[in-house]
Amino acid sequence: MRRLMLIGLGLAVMFSASLSLTGCVVVAPRPHYAATVWTPGYYAPGGVWISGHWRG
């Protein structure tokens, strides 16, 4: 009986340790990375080709 209790206690400790390690890690964004979007190339009015570029 004592051995069974020790095994149960060990399992409970391992389970609680694994639960404490799970979760969402939130990191603040770095200030020098501006929000940018890739704009693909397209034809502007008049048939002028505008190449793709980063737009912020």
C-alpha atoms as a PDB file:
ATOM      1  CA  MET A   1       0.000   0.000   0.000  1.00  0.00           C
ATOM      2  CA  ARG A   2       2.834   2.353   0.848  1.00  0.00           C
ATOM      3  CA  ARG A   3       4.494   1.698  -2.502  1.00  0.00           C
ATOM      4  CA  LEU A   4       1.239   2.464  -4.332  1.00  0.00           C
ATOM      5  CA  MET A   5       0.922   5.779  -2.471  1.00  0.00           C
ATOM      6  CA  LEU A   6       4.509   6.722  -3.388  1.00  0.00           C
ATOM      7  CA  ILE A   7       3.858   5.944  -7.053  1.00  0.00           C
ATOM      8  CA  GLY A   8       0.659   8.010  -6.960  1.00  0.00           C
ATOM      9  CA  LEU A   9       2.470  10.892  -5.284  1.00  0.00           C
ATOM     10  CA  GLY A  10       5.261  10.741  -7.861  1.00  0.00           C
ATOM     11  CA  LEU A  11       2.762  10.781 -10.711  1.00  0.00           C
ATOM     12  CA  ALA A  12       0.928  13.727  -9.162  1.00  0.00           C
ATOM     13  CA  VAL A  13       4.171  15.686  -8.816  1.00  0.00           C
ATOM     14  CA  MET A  14       5.180  14.963 -12.428  1.00  0.00           C
ATOM     15  CA  PHE A  15       1.705  15.891 -13.695  1.00  0.00           C
ATOM     16  CA  SER A  16       1.645  19.167 -11.777  1.00  0.00           C
ATOM     17  CA  ALA A  17       5.160  19.997 -12.993  1.00  0.00           C
ATOM     18  CA  SER A  18       4.143  19.399 -16.605  1.00  0.00           C
ATOM     19  CA  LEU A  19       1.038  21.566 -16.140  1.00  0.00           C
ATOM     20  CA  SER A  20       3.133  24.383 -14.719  1.00  0.00           C
ATOM     21  CA  LEU A  21       5.355  24.334 -17.817  1.00  0.00           C
ATOM     22  CA  THR A  22       2.489  24.595 -20.299  1.00  0.00           C
ATOM     23  CA  GLY A  23       0.938  27.868 -21.281  1.00  0.00           C
ATOM     24  CA  CYS A  24       1.217  30.831 -23.538  1.00  0.00           C
ATOM     25  CA  VAL A  25       4.418  32.836 -23.638  1.00  0.00           C
ATOM     26  CA  VAL A  26       3.754  36.500 -24.381  1.00  0.00           C
ATOM     27  CA  VAL A  27       6.637  38.676 -25.492  1.00  0.00           C
ATOM     28  CA  ALA A  28       6.303  42.396 -26.155  1.00  0.00           C
ATOM     29  CA  PRO A  29       7.026  43.369 -29.768  1.00  0.00           C
ATOM     30  CA  ARG A  30      10.326  45.067 -30.459  1.00  0.00           C
ATOM     31  CA  PRO A  31       9.921  48.770 -31.178  1.00  0.00           C
ATOM     32  CA  HIS A  32      12.192  48.877 -34.244  1.00  0.00           C
ATOM     33  CA  TYR A  33      10.020  46.401 -36.180  1.00  0.00           C
ATOM     34  CA  ALA A  34       7.355  48.494 -37.851  1.00  0.00           C
ATOM     35  CA  ALA A  35       4.191  46.771 -39.026  1.00  0.00           C
ATOM     36  CA  THR A  36       4.696  46.255 -42.748  1.00  0.00           C
ATOM     37  CA  VAL A  37       2.730  44.464 -45.446  1.00  0.00           C
ATOM     38  CA  TRP A  38       4.001  43.027 -48.717  1.00  0.00           C
ATOM     39  CA  THR A  39       2.142  44.559 -51.649  1.00  0.00           C
ATOM     40  CA  PRO A  40       2.459  42.395 -54.758  1.00  0.00           C
ATOM     41  CA  GLY A  41       3.097  43.885 -58.177  1.00  0.00           C
ATOM     42  CA  TYR A  42       0.134  45.196 -60.138  1.00  0.00           C
ATOM     43  CA  TYR A  43      -0.786  47.218 -63.204  1.00  0.00           C
ATOM     44  CA  ALA A  44      -1.740  50.790 -62.400  1.00  0.00           C
ATOM     45  CA  PRO A  45      -4.159  52.757 -64.585  1.00  0.00           C
ATOM     46  CA  GLY A  46      -2.543  53.500 -67.931  1.00  0.00           C
ATOM     47  CA  GLY A  47      -0.827  50.093 -68.113  1.00  0.00           C
ATOM     48  CA  VAL A  48       2.091  51.035 -65.837  1.00  0.00           C
ATOM     49  CA  TRP A  49       3.593  48.096 -63.917  1.00  0.00           C
ATOM     50  CA  ILE A  50       4.170  48.775 -60.207  1.00  0.00           C
ATOM     51  CA  SER A  51       6.559  46.210 -58.755  1.00  0.00           C
ATOM     52  CA  GLY A  52       5.998  44.522 -55.423  1.00  0.00           C
ATOM     53  CA  HIS A  53       7.225  46.355 -52.350  1.00  0.00           C
ATOM     54  CA  TRP A  54       6.972  46.514 -48.578  1.00  0.00           C
ATOM     55  CA  ARG A  55       4.382  49.016 -47.444  1.00  0.00           C
ATOM     56  CA  GLY A  56       4.327  50.340 -43.923  1.00  0.00           C
END
